[in-house]
Amino acid sequence: MRELLRPPRLAPGARVAVVAPSGPVAEDRLAAGLDILRGWDLDPVVQPHVLDRHGELGYLAGTDADRAADLQRAWCDPDVAAVLCARGGYGAQRMVDLLDWAALRAAGPKVLVGFSDVTALHQAFAARLGLVTLHGPAAAGVDFVKNARTQEHLRATLFAPETVRTLARGRTALVPGRARGVTLGGCLSLLAADLGTPLSPPVARGGLLLLEDVGEPPYRVDRLLTQLLRSGRLAGVAGIGLGSWAGCGPYEELRAVFADRLGGLGVPVLEEIGFGHCDEALTVPFGVTAELDATAGTLTLDEPALR
């Protein structure tokens, strides 16, 4: 794994675009999220199709072409410093191949923020643009609009990233030890679903793999991890950090799965980092060099997430 290009941090007054690459967005939560962003002295601009709903596939925020066009328009706007995803859900994989990567690359490095289904975009931006992205809350997500600590951690990462270089609130070392590498990962089911596509890195060699998911019972988590193992995706991974597993069953059962599937890799594994689908979720950058100390329960970035 190689370190990726860090985008510039935001300054007061920066224009940020809000897009919906995945599922449909609740208008009231979008309004609440926009108010928070304006309270940070940002200038949020909502893209034209954010509140759309696909006519036949109601789980999508409009057509694939419109969602891709919104993201491309926002990224290529020279006045936009960051693109924030309104929510996750499902749909990013359907539109990611419609993006003009040459045009996105020419627009220069910017900040991308999102989580859950946006894992597909984190992978794509790393593979095609070589860019650090932020696994952080959705601008219209209930976790963002109702949780002050989640808001504060994202705000600090965007404006003063040097103040949040130690990220993890890990409580338990599944496998003790320390490891260094470049951060990558996201939602486990999305990482598994991306296997075999042009935008999925072949292996996590030398990387710190950060995983979380929601609504996947233990046997399905087992299946997803087994898929990563059988594909060779975990070959040479330096360390693993486990985030939230909301709605994934009793944690004792999950922990047995993690121990069985990951314990034999011979690398440090830290549990309960505090990112993903959870209260007070941390914003975690992908593509930066960090140290995972499973024994101490910390994940510390070598440099701030943004420059």
C-alpha atoms as a PDB file:
ATOM      1  CA  MET A   1       0.000   0.000   0.000  1.00  0.00           C
ATOM      2  CA  ARG A   2       1.256   3.482  -0.859  1.00  0.00           C
ATOM      3  CA  GLU A   3       0.327   6.717   0.818  1.00  0.00           C
ATOM      4  CA  LEU A   4      -2.097   8.832  -1.210  1.00  0.00           C
ATOM      5  CA  LEU A   5      -2.326  12.564  -1.937  1.00  0.00           C
ATOM      6  CA  ARG A   6      -3.870  14.563   0.900  1.00  0.00           C
ATOM      7  CA  PRO A   7      -6.368  17.259  -0.182  1.00  0.00           C
ATOM      8  CA  PRO A   8      -6.250  20.766   1.307  1.00  0.00           C
ATOM      9  CA  ARG A   9      -8.116  21.411   4.556  1.00  0.00           C
ATOM     10  CA  LEU A  10     -11.146  23.668   4.511  1.00  0.00           C
ATOM     11  CA  ALA A  11     -11.177  27.323   5.481  1.00  0.00           C
ATOM     12  CA  PRO A  12     -14.109  29.396   6.763  1.00  0.00           C
ATOM     13  CA  GLY A  13     -16.365  30.391   3.900  1.00  0.00           C
ATOM     14  CA  ALA A  14     -15.477  27.349   1.782  1.00  0.00           C
ATOM     15  CA  ARG A  15     -18.126  26.092  -0.616  1.00  0.00           C
ATOM     16  CA  VAL A  16     -19.051  22.435  -0.165  1.00  0.00           C
ATOM     17  CA  ALA A  17     -21.304  20.427  -2.443  1.00  0.00           C
ATOM     18  CA  VAL A  18     -23.832  17.893  -1.152  1.00  0.00           C
ATOM     19  CA  VAL A  19     -24.543  14.894  -3.385  1.00  0.00           C
ATOM     20  CA  ALA A  20     -26.645  11.722  -3.101  1.00  0.00           C
ATOM     21  CA  PRO A  21     -24.767   8.903  -4.876  1.00  0.00           C
ATOM     22  CA  SER A  22     -26.781   6.134  -3.230  1.00  0.00           C
ATOM     23  CA  GLY A  23     -30.174   6.036  -1.502  1.00  0.00           C
ATOM     24  CA  PRO A  24     -32.964   8.630  -1.286  1.00  0.00           C
ATOM     25  CA  VAL A  25     -32.556  11.488   1.169  1.00  0.00           C
ATOM     26  CA  ALA A  26     -34.987  12.728   3.813  1.00  0.00           C
ATOM     27  CA  GLU A  27     -35.631  16.415   3.206  1.00  0.00           C
ATOM     28  CA  ASP A  28     -35.925  17.335   6.883  1.00  0.00           C
ATOM     29  CA  ARG A  29     -32.616  15.693   7.779  1.00  0.00           C
ATOM     30  CA  LEU A  30     -30.959  17.342   4.795  1.00  0.00           C
ATOM     31  CA  ALA A  31     -32.177  20.727   6.025  1.00  0.00           C
ATOM     32  CA  ALA A  32     -30.828  19.981   9.520  1.00  0.00           C
ATOM     33  CA  GLY A  33     -27.452  18.924   8.109  1.00  0.00           C
ATOM     34  CA  LEU A  34     -27.210  22.051   5.973  1.00  0.00           C
ATOM     35  CA  ASP A  35     -27.874  24.198   9.038  1.00  0.00           C
ATOM     36  CA  ILE A  36     -24.972  22.514  10.846  1.00  0.00           C
ATOM     37  CA  LEU A  37     -22.646  23.129   7.903  1.00  0.00           C
ATOM     38  CA  ARG A  38     -23.691  26.769   7.697  1.00  0.00           C
ATOM     39  CA  GLY A  39     -23.016  27.041  11.429  1.00  0.00           C
ATOM     40  CA  TRP A  40     -19.417  26.072  10.639  1.00  0.00           C
ATOM     41  CA  ASP A  41     -19.223  29.056   8.250  1.00  0.00           C
ATOM     42  CA  LEU A  42     -19.363  26.782   5.213  1.00  0.00           C
ATOM     43  CA  ASP A  43     -21.382  27.485   2.083  1.00  0.00           C
ATOM     44  CA  PRO A  44     -23.236  24.235   1.269  1.00  0.00           C
ATOM     45  CA  VAL A  45     -24.644  23.825  -2.236  1.00  0.00           C
ATOM     46  CA  VAL A  46     -27.146  21.032  -2.835  1.00  0.00           C
ATOM     47  CA  GLN A  47     -26.826  19.362  -6.211  1.00  0.00           C
ATOM     48  CA  PRO A  48     -29.927  19.208  -8.441  1.00  0.00           C
ATOM     49  CA  HIS A  49     -30.871  15.548  -7.939  1.00  0.00           C
ATOM     50  CA  VAL A  50     -30.195  15.088  -4.221  1.00  0.00           C
ATOM     51  CA  LEU A  51     -33.882  14.857  -3.329  1.00  0.00           C
ATOM     52  CA  ASP A  52     -34.825  12.703  -6.320  1.00  0.00           C
ATOM     53  CA  ARG A  53     -36.211   9.207  -5.994  1.00  0.00           C
ATOM     54  CA  HIS A  54     -35.954   6.656  -8.799  1.00  0.00           C
ATOM     55  CA  GLY A  55     -39.339   6.093 -10.427  1.00  0.00           C
ATOM     56  CA  GLU A  56     -39.158   2.292 -10.338  1.00  0.00           C
ATOM     57  CA  LEU A  57     -36.342   1.474  -7.908  1.00  0.00           C
ATOM     58  CA  GLY A  58     -37.344   3.413  -4.836  1.00  0.00           C
ATOM     59  CA  TYR A  59     -34.146   2.568  -2.964  1.00  0.00           C
ATOM     60  CA  LEU A  60     -32.159   4.861  -5.295  1.00  0.00           C
ATOM     61  CA  ALA A  61     -31.874   8.663  -5.161  1.00  0.00           C
ATOM     62  CA  GLY A  62     -32.778   9.143  -8.807  1.00  0.00           C
ATOM     63  CA  THR A  63     -31.263   7.549 -11.883  1.00  0.00           C
ATOM     64  CA  ASP A  64     -27.679   6.324 -12.053  1.00  0.00           C
ATOM     65  CA  ALA A  65     -26.885   8.931 -14.719  1.00  0.00           C
ATOM     66  CA  ASP A  66     -28.281  11.809 -12.645  1.00  0.00           C
ATOM     67  CA  ARG A  67     -26.489  10.743  -9.471  1.00  0.00           C
ATOM     68  CA  ALA A  68     -23.206  10.429 -11.367  1.00  0.00           C
ATOM     69  CA  ALA A  69     -23.762  13.782 -13.067  1.00  0.00           C
ATOM     70  CA  ASP A  70     -24.323  15.481  -9.712  1.00  0.00           C
ATOM     71  CA  LEU A  71     -21.076  14.090  -8.322  1.00  0.00           C
ATOM     72  CA  GLN A  72     -19.100  14.983 -11.426  1.00  0.00           C
ATOM     73  CA  ARG A  73     -20.559  18.488 -11.634  1.00  0.00           C
ATOM     74  CA  ALA A  74     -19.771  19.117  -7.988  1.00  0.00           C
ATOM     75  CA  TRP A  75     -16.211  17.775  -8.161  1.00  0.00           C
ATOM     76  CA  CYS A  76     -15.367  19.679 -11.330  1.00  0.00           C
ATOM     77  CA  ASP A  77     -16.727  22.998 -10.033  1.00  0.00           C
ATOM     78  CA  PRO A  78     -13.615  25.094  -9.309  1.00  0.00           C
ATOM     79  CA  ASP A  79     -15.431  26.898  -6.488  1.00  0.00           C
ATOM     80  CA  VAL A  80     -16.150  23.669  -4.574  1.00  0.00           C
ATOM     81  CA  ALA A  81     -13.578  22.589  -1.960  1.00  0.00           C
ATOM     82  CA  ALA A  82     -15.305  19.439  -0.693  1.00  0.00           C
ATOM     83  CA  VAL A  83     -18.025  16.999  -1.697  1.00  0.00           C
ATOM     84  CA  LEU A  84     -20.165  15.583   1.110  1.00  0.00           C
ATOM     85  CA  CYS A  85     -22.426  12.594   0.571  1.00  0.00           C
ATOM     86  CA  ALA A  86     -25.935  13.089   1.938  1.00  0.00           C
ATOM     87  CA  ARG A  87     -26.416   9.440   2.948  1.00  0.00           C
ATOM     88  CA  GLY A  88     -25.462   5.857   2.190  1.00  0.00           C
ATOM     89  CA  GLY A  89     -27.940   3.093   1.484  1.00  0.00           C
ATOM     90  CA  TYR A  90     -27.285   1.489  -1.887  1.00  0.00           C
ATOM     91  CA  GLY A  91     -26.419   2.680  -5.368  1.00  0.00           C
ATOM     92  CA  ALA A  92     -22.851   4.014  -5.512  1.00  0.00           C
ATOM     93  CA  GLN A  93     -21.639   0.876  -7.289  1.00  0.00           C
ATOM     94  CA  ARG A  94     -24.269   1.410  -9.989  1.00  0.00           C
ATOM     95  CA  MET A  95     -23.061   4.920 -10.885  1.00  0.00           C
ATOM     96  CA  VAL A  96     -19.308   4.866 -10.186  1.00  0.00           C
ATOM     97  CA  ASP A  97     -18.403   3.569 -13.659  1.00  0.00           C
ATOM     98  CA  LEU A  98     -20.294   6.468 -15.266  1.00  0.00           C
ATOM     99  CA  LEU A  99     -17.829   9.022 -13.885  1.00  0.00           C
ATOM    100  CA  ASP A 100     -15.276  10.711 -16.160  1.00  0.00           C
ATOM    101  CA  TRP A 101     -12.097  10.032 -14.209  1.00  0.00           C
ATOM    102  CA  ALA A 102      -9.914  12.184 -16.442  1.00  0.00           C
ATOM    103  CA  ALA A 103     -12.150  15.177 -15.759  1.00  0.00           C
ATOM    104  CA  LEU A 104     -12.216  14.455 -12.031  1.00  0.00           C
ATOM    105  CA  ARG A 105      -8.426  14.172 -11.979  1.00  0.00           C
ATOM    106  CA  ALA A 106      -8.051  17.464 -13.854  1.00  0.00           C
ATOM    107  CA  ALA A 107     -10.222  19.220 -11.256  1.00  0.00           C
ATOM    108  CA  GLY A 108      -7.494  18.669  -8.658  1.00  0.00           C
ATOM    109  CA  PRO A 109      -7.570  17.223  -5.124  1.00  0.00           C
ATOM    110  CA  LYS A 110     -10.653  17.926  -3.024  1.00  0.00           C
ATOM    111  CA  VAL A 111     -12.208  16.431   0.076  1.00  0.00           C
ATOM    112  CA  LEU A 112     -14.700  13.558  -0.230  1.00  0.00           C
ATOM    113  CA  VAL A 113     -16.728  12.624   2.871  1.00  0.00           C
ATOM    114  CA  GLY A 114     -19.117   9.700   3.313  1.00  0.00           C
ATOM    115  CA  PHE A 115     -19.466   6.207   4.722  1.00  0.00           C
ATOM    116  CA  SER A 116     -21.395   2.955   4.380  1.00  0.00           C
ATOM    117  CA  ASP A 117     -22.296   2.578   0.670  1.00  0.00           C
ATOM    118  CA  VAL A 118     -19.804   5.363  -0.098  1.00  0.00           C
ATOM    119  CA  THR A 119     -17.096   2.735   0.506  1.00  0.00           C
ATOM    120  CA  ALA A 120     -17.392   2.082  -3.246  1.00  0.00           C
ATOM    121  CA  LEU A 121     -16.374   5.691  -3.918  1.00  0.00           C
ATOM    122  CA  HIS A 122     -13.532   5.589  -1.384  1.00  0.00           C
ATOM    123  CA  GLN A 123     -12.107   2.609  -3.283  1.00  0.00           C
ATOM    124  CA  ALA A 124     -12.622   4.276  -6.655  1.00  0.00           C
ATOM    125  CA  PHE A 125     -11.067   7.605  -5.651  1.00  0.00           C
ATOM    126  CA  ALA A 126      -8.040   5.802  -4.239  1.00  0.00           C
ATOM    127  CA  ALA A 127      -7.625   3.638  -7.342  1.00  0.00           C
ATOM    128  CA  ARG A 128      -8.317   6.274 -10.023  1.00  0.00           C
ATOM    129  CA  LEU A 129      -7.292   9.553  -8.382  1.00  0.00           C
ATOM    130  CA  GLY A 130      -4.725   8.424  -5.787  1.00  0.00           C
ATOM    131  CA  LEU A 131      -6.525  10.606  -3.269  1.00  0.00           C
ATOM    132  CA  VAL A 132      -7.038  10.476   0.495  1.00  0.00           C
ATOM    133  CA  THR A 133     -10.758  10.417   1.366  1.00  0.00           C
ATOM    134  CA  LEU A 134     -12.644  10.697   4.648  1.00  0.00           C
ATOM    135  CA  HIS A 135     -14.819   7.884   5.996  1.00  0.00           C
ATOM    136  CA  GLY A 136     -17.119  10.202   7.881  1.00  0.00           C
ATOM    137  CA  PRO A 137     -20.767  10.939   8.609  1.00  0.00           C
ATOM    138  CA  ALA A 138     -23.407  11.593   5.969  1.00  0.00           C
ATOM    139  CA  ALA A 139     -24.512  15.219   5.725  1.00  0.00           C
ATOM    140  CA  ALA A 140     -28.178  14.207   6.021  1.00  0.00           C
ATOM    141  CA  GLY A 141     -27.634  11.201   8.256  1.00  0.00           C
ATOM    142  CA  VAL A 142     -29.356  10.857  11.610  1.00  0.00           C
ATOM    143  CA  ASP A 143     -25.968  10.010  13.148  1.00  0.00           C
ATOM    144  CA  PHE A 144     -24.696  13.426  12.034  1.00  0.00           C
ATOM    145  CA  VAL A 145     -27.627  15.727  12.700  1.00  0.00           C
ATOM    146  CA  LYS A 146     -28.305  14.366  16.201  1.00  0.00           C
ATOM    147  CA  ASN A 147     -24.829  13.683  17.556  1.00  0.00           C
ATOM    148  CA  ALA A 148     -22.665  16.584  18.665  1.00  0.00           C
ATOM    149  CA  ARG A 149     -19.501  14.502  19.072  1.00  0.00           C
ATOM    150  CA  THR A 150     -19.780  13.128  15.550  1.00  0.00           C
ATOM    151  CA  GLN A 151     -20.235  16.670  14.268  1.00  0.00           C
ATOM    152  CA  GLU A 152     -17.260  17.978  16.223  1.00  0.00           C
ATOM    153  CA  HIS A 153     -14.892  15.256  15.059  1.00  0.00           C
ATOM    154  CA  LEU A 154     -15.756  15.884  11.407  1.00  0.00           C
ATOM    155  CA  ARG A 155     -15.449  19.649  11.880  1.00  0.00           C
ATOM    156  CA  ALA A 156     -12.027  19.275  13.485  1.00  0.00           C
ATOM    157  CA  THR A 157     -10.873  16.928  10.716  1.00  0.00           C
ATOM    158  CA  LEU A 158     -11.976  19.386   8.021  1.00  0.00           C
ATOM    159  CA  PHE A 159     -10.630  22.592   9.574  1.00  0.00           C
ATOM    160  CA  ALA A 160      -7.879  21.583  12.037  1.00  0.00           C
ATOM    161  CA  PRO A 161      -6.841  18.014  11.174  1.00  0.00           C
ATOM    162  CA  GLU A 162      -3.653  18.219  13.233  1.00  0.00           C
ATOM    163  CA  THR A 163      -5.847  18.196  16.362  1.00  0.00           C
ATOM    164  CA  VAL A 164      -7.315  14.736  15.652  1.00  0.00           C
ATOM    165  CA  ARG A 165      -4.331  12.598  14.731  1.00  0.00           C
ATOM    166  CA  THR A 166      -5.038   9.961  17.404  1.00  0.00           C
ATOM    167  CA  LEU A 167      -8.318   8.487  16.292  1.00  0.00           C
ATOM    168  CA  ALA A 168      -9.208   5.213  17.934  1.00  0.00           C
ATOM    169  CA  ARG A 169     -11.210   4.656  21.050  1.00  0.00           C
ATOM    170  CA  GLY A 170     -10.478   0.940  20.889  1.00  0.00           C
ATOM    171  CA  ARG A 171     -11.184  -1.012  24.047  1.00  0.00           C
ATOM    172  CA  THR A 172      -9.997  -4.515  23.318  1.00  0.00           C
ATOM    173  CA  ALA A 173      -7.062  -6.085  21.535  1.00  0.00           C
ATOM    174  CA  LEU A 174      -8.360  -9.195  19.813  1.00  0.00           C
ATOM    175  CA  VAL A 175      -4.724  -9.775  18.879  1.00  0.00           C
ATOM    176  CA  PRO A 176      -2.226  -7.522  20.714  1.00  0.00           C
ATOM    177  CA  GLY A 177       0.684  -5.762  19.083  1.00  0.00           C
ATOM    178  CA  ARG A 178       1.586  -2.745  16.961  1.00  0.00           C
ATOM    179  CA  ALA A 179       1.638  -2.267  13.215  1.00  0.00           C
ATOM    180  CA  ARG A 180       2.268   0.535  10.733  1.00  0.00           C
ATOM    181  CA  GLY A 181       0.710   0.936   7.320  1.00  0.00           C
ATOM    182  CA  VAL A 182      -1.584   2.946   5.087  1.00  0.00           C
ATOM    183  CA  THR A 183      -5.232   3.070   6.134  1.00  0.00           C
ATOM    184  CA  LEU A 184      -7.920   1.599   3.899  1.00  0.00           C
ATOM    185  CA  GLY A 185     -11.250  -0.174   4.207  1.00  0.00           C
ATOM    186  CA  GLY A 186     -14.819   0.753   5.027  1.00  0.00           C
ATOM    187  CA  CYS A 187     -18.028  -1.251   5.047  1.00  0.00           C
ATOM    188  CA  LEU A 188     -17.175  -4.958   4.927  1.00  0.00           C
ATOM    189  CA  SER A 189     -20.065  -5.968   2.657  1.00  0.00           C
ATOM    190  CA  LEU A 190     -19.150  -3.268   0.127  1.00  0.00           C
ATOM    191  CA  LEU A 191     -15.497  -4.307   0.119  1.00  0.00           C
ATOM    192  CA  ALA A 192     -16.557  -7.900  -0.569  1.00  0.00           C
ATOM    193  CA  ALA A 193     -18.994  -6.781  -3.274  1.00  0.00           C
ATOM    194  CA  ASP A 194     -16.229  -4.818  -5.013  1.00  0.00           C
ATOM    195  CA  LEU A 195     -13.945  -7.840  -5.361  1.00  0.00           C
ATOM    196  CA  GLY A 196     -13.132  -8.550  -8.985  1.00  0.00           C
ATOM    197  CA  THR A 197     -14.067  -5.078 -10.224  1.00  0.00           C
ATOM    198  CA  PRO A 198     -11.508  -2.742 -11.835  1.00  0.00           C
ATOM    199  CA  LEU A 199     -11.674  -0.393  -8.854  1.00  0.00           C
ATOM    200  CA  SER A 200     -10.873  -2.929  -6.138  1.00  0.00           C
ATOM    201  CA  PRO A 201      -7.207  -3.046  -5.077  1.00  0.00           C
ATOM    202  CA  PRO A 202      -5.927  -6.618  -5.451  1.00  0.00           C
ATOM    203  CA  VAL A 203      -4.482  -6.951  -1.934  1.00  0.00           C
ATOM    204  CA  ALA A 204      -4.166  -5.006   1.302  1.00  0.00           C
ATOM    205  CA  ARG A 205      -0.433  -5.745   1.561  1.00  0.00           C
ATOM    206  CA  GLY A 206       1.215  -3.355   4.005  1.00  0.00           C
ATOM    207  CA  GLY A 207      -2.092  -1.703   4.838  1.00  0.00           C
ATOM    208  CA  LEU A 208      -4.104  -1.132   7.985  1.00  0.00           C
ATOM    209  CA  LEU A 209      -7.529  -2.511   7.099  1.00  0.00           C
ATOM    210  CA  LEU A 210     -10.408  -0.809   8.936  1.00  0.00           C
ATOM    211  CA  LEU A 211     -13.716  -2.688   8.827  1.00  0.00           C
ATOM    212  CA  GLU A 212     -17.296  -2.066   9.978  1.00  0.00           C
ATOM    213  CA  ASP A 213     -20.800  -3.009   8.884  1.00  0.00           C
ATOM    214  CA  VAL A 214     -24.465  -2.894   9.842  1.00  0.00           C
ATOM    215  CA  GLY A 215     -27.267  -5.437   9.824  1.00  0.00           C
ATOM    216  CA  GLU A 216     -25.120  -8.466   8.971  1.00  0.00           C
ATOM    217  CA  PRO A 217     -25.592 -11.430  11.358  1.00  0.00           C
ATOM    218  CA  PRO A 218     -22.508 -13.374  12.472  1.00  0.00           C
ATOM    219  CA  TYR A 219     -22.740 -16.092   9.804  1.00  0.00           C
ATOM    220  CA  ARG A 220     -22.841 -13.452   7.053  1.00  0.00           C
ATOM    221  CA  VAL A 221     -19.907 -11.572   8.595  1.00  0.00           C
ATOM    222  CA  ASP A 222     -18.096 -14.934   8.546  1.00  0.00           C
ATOM    223  CA  ARG A 223     -18.992 -15.374   4.877  1.00  0.00           C
ATOM    224  CA  LEU A 224     -17.805 -11.877   3.954  1.00  0.00           C
ATOM    225  CA  LEU A 225     -14.494 -12.267   5.795  1.00  0.00           C
ATOM    226  CA  THR A 226     -14.038 -15.706   4.262  1.00  0.00           C
ATOM    227  CA  GLN A 227     -14.568 -14.179   0.823  1.00  0.00           C
ATOM    228  CA  LEU A 228     -11.828 -11.617   1.501  1.00  0.00           C
ATOM    229  CA  LEU A 229      -9.536 -14.376   2.733  1.00  0.00           C
ATOM    230  CA  ARG A 230     -10.187 -16.735  -0.185  1.00  0.00           C
ATOM    231  CA  SER A 231      -9.716 -13.942  -2.741  1.00  0.00           C
ATOM    232  CA  GLY A 232      -6.267 -13.119  -1.339  1.00  0.00           C
ATOM    233  CA  ARG A 233      -7.452  -9.611  -0.454  1.00  0.00           C
ATOM    234  CA  LEU A 234      -5.952  -9.877   3.043  1.00  0.00           C
ATOM    235  CA  ALA A 235      -2.561 -11.141   1.916  1.00  0.00           C
ATOM    236  CA  GLY A 236       0.165  -9.187   3.670  1.00  0.00           C
ATOM    237  CA  VAL A 237      -2.165  -6.933   5.622  1.00  0.00           C
ATOM    238  CA  ALA A 238      -0.211  -5.198   8.407  1.00  0.00           C
ATOM    239  CA  GLY A 239      -3.005  -4.788  10.933  1.00  0.00           C
ATOM    240  CA  ILE A 240      -6.791  -4.678  11.284  1.00  0.00           C
ATOM    241  CA  GLY A 241      -9.091  -2.283  13.104  1.00  0.00           C
ATOM    242  CA  LEU A 242     -12.716  -3.190  13.774  1.00  0.00           C
ATOM    243  CA  GLY A 243     -15.357  -0.481  14.047  1.00  0.00           C
ATOM    244  CA  SER A 244     -19.073  -0.721  14.761  1.00  0.00           C
ATOM    245  CA  TRP A 245     -21.313  -3.719  14.023  1.00  0.00           C
ATOM    246  CA  ALA A 246     -24.786  -2.349  14.730  1.00  0.00           C
ATOM    247  CA  GLY A 247     -27.541  -4.885  14.195  1.00  0.00           C
ATOM    248  CA  CYS A 248     -25.039  -7.685  13.584  1.00  0.00           C
ATOM    249  CA  GLY A 249     -26.079  -9.874  16.503  1.00  0.00           C
ATOM    250  CA  PRO A 250     -24.585 -10.514  19.958  1.00  0.00           C
ATOM    251  CA  TYR A 251     -21.039  -9.200  20.045  1.00  0.00           C
ATOM    252  CA  GLU A 252     -19.760 -12.365  21.759  1.00  0.00           C
ATOM    253  CA  GLU A 253     -20.770 -14.317  18.643  1.00  0.00           C
ATOM    254  CA  LEU A 254     -19.182 -11.752  16.352  1.00  0.00           C
ATOM    255  CA  ARG A 255     -16.005 -11.788  18.411  1.00  0.00           C
ATOM    256  CA  ALA A 256     -15.765 -15.548  17.938  1.00  0.00           C
ATOM    257  CA  VAL A 257     -16.053 -15.010  14.181  1.00  0.00           C
ATOM    258  CA  PHE A 258     -13.349 -12.334  14.218  1.00  0.00           C
ATOM    259  CA  ALA A 259     -11.034 -14.530  16.274  1.00  0.00           C
ATOM    260  CA  ASP A 260     -11.594 -17.491  13.960  1.00  0.00           C
ATOM    261  CA  ARG A 261     -11.279 -15.621  10.651  1.00  0.00           C
ATOM    262  CA  LEU A 262      -8.715 -12.929  11.531  1.00  0.00           C
ATOM    263  CA  GLY A 263      -6.815 -14.276  14.519  1.00  0.00           C
ATOM    264  CA  GLY A 264      -4.700 -16.588  12.392  1.00  0.00           C
ATOM    265  CA  LEU A 265      -3.295 -13.807  10.201  1.00  0.00           C
ATOM    266  CA  GLY A 266      -0.585 -13.084  12.761  1.00  0.00           C
ATOM    267  CA  VAL A 267      -1.214  -9.302  12.789  1.00  0.00           C
ATOM    268  CA  PRO A 268      -2.553  -6.940  15.475  1.00  0.00           C
ATOM    269  CA  VAL A 269      -6.347  -6.678  15.554  1.00  0.00           C
ATOM    270  CA  LEU A 270      -8.017  -3.866  17.525  1.00  0.00           C
ATOM    271  CA  GLU A 271     -11.734  -3.969  18.339  1.00  0.00           C
ATOM    272  CA  GLU A 272     -14.303  -1.221  18.926  1.00  0.00           C
ATOM    273  CA  ILE A 273     -12.417   1.643  17.304  1.00  0.00           C
ATOM    274  CA  GLY A 274     -15.560   3.801  17.188  1.00  0.00           C
ATOM    275  CA  PHE A 275     -16.167   4.467  13.493  1.00  0.00           C
ATOM    276  CA  GLY A 276     -18.998   3.437  11.213  1.00  0.00           C
ATOM    277  CA  HIS A 277     -22.708   2.993  12.004  1.00  0.00           C
ATOM    278  CA  CYS A 278     -22.563   4.090  15.631  1.00  0.00           C
ATOM    279  CA  ASP A 279     -23.124   6.992  17.989  1.00  0.00           C
ATOM    280  CA  GLU A 280     -20.218   9.432  18.266  1.00  0.00           C
ATOM    281  CA  ALA A 281     -18.656   7.989  15.130  1.00  0.00           C
ATOM    282  CA  LEU A 282     -15.135   9.118  14.342  1.00  0.00           C
ATOM    283  CA  THR A 283     -14.090  10.469  10.946  1.00  0.00           C
ATOM    284  CA  VAL A 284     -11.276   8.229   9.656  1.00  0.00           C
ATOM    285  CA  PRO A 285      -9.087   9.037   6.635  1.00  0.00           C
ATOM    286  CA  PHE A 286      -8.202   6.373   4.076  1.00  0.00           C
ATOM    287  CA  GLY A 287      -4.830   6.588   2.338  1.00  0.00           C
ATOM    288  CA  VAL A 288      -2.617   7.941   5.130  1.00  0.00           C
ATOM    289  CA  THR A 289       0.190   6.226   7.014  1.00  0.00           C
ATOM    290  CA  ALA A 290      -0.701   5.413  10.609  1.00  0.00           C
ATOM    291  CA  GLU A 291       0.248   3.232  13.557  1.00  0.00           C
ATOM    292  CA  LEU A 292      -2.253   0.783  14.997  1.00  0.00           C
ATOM    293  CA  ASP A 293      -1.461  -0.103  18.606  1.00  0.00           C
ATOM    294  CA  ALA A 294      -3.911  -2.833  19.512  1.00  0.00           C
ATOM    295  CA  THR A 295      -2.457  -3.155  22.998  1.00  0.00           C
ATOM    296  CA  ALA A 296      -2.935   0.543  23.804  1.00  0.00           C
ATOM    297  CA  GLY A 297      -6.179   0.803  21.821  1.00  0.00           C
ATOM    298  CA  THR A 298      -5.080   3.622  19.493  1.00  0.00           C
ATOM    299  CA  LEU A 299      -4.817   4.467  15.824  1.00  0.00           C
ATOM    300  CA  THR A 300      -2.435   7.390  15.287  1.00  0.00           C
ATOM    301  CA  LEU A 301      -1.848   9.157  11.979  1.00  0.00           C
ATOM    302  CA  ASP A 302       1.707  10.063  10.982  1.00  0.00           C
ATOM    303  CA  GLU A 303       0.405  13.313   9.453  1.00  0.00           C
ATOM    304  CA  PRO A 304      -2.925  15.152   9.550  1.00  0.00           C
ATOM    305  CA  ALA A 305      -5.570  13.747   7.217  1.00  0.00           C
ATOM    306  CA  LEU A 306      -5.660  16.988   5.206  1.00  0.00           C
ATOM    307  CA  ARG A 307      -2.810  19.331   4.425  1.00  0.00           C
END
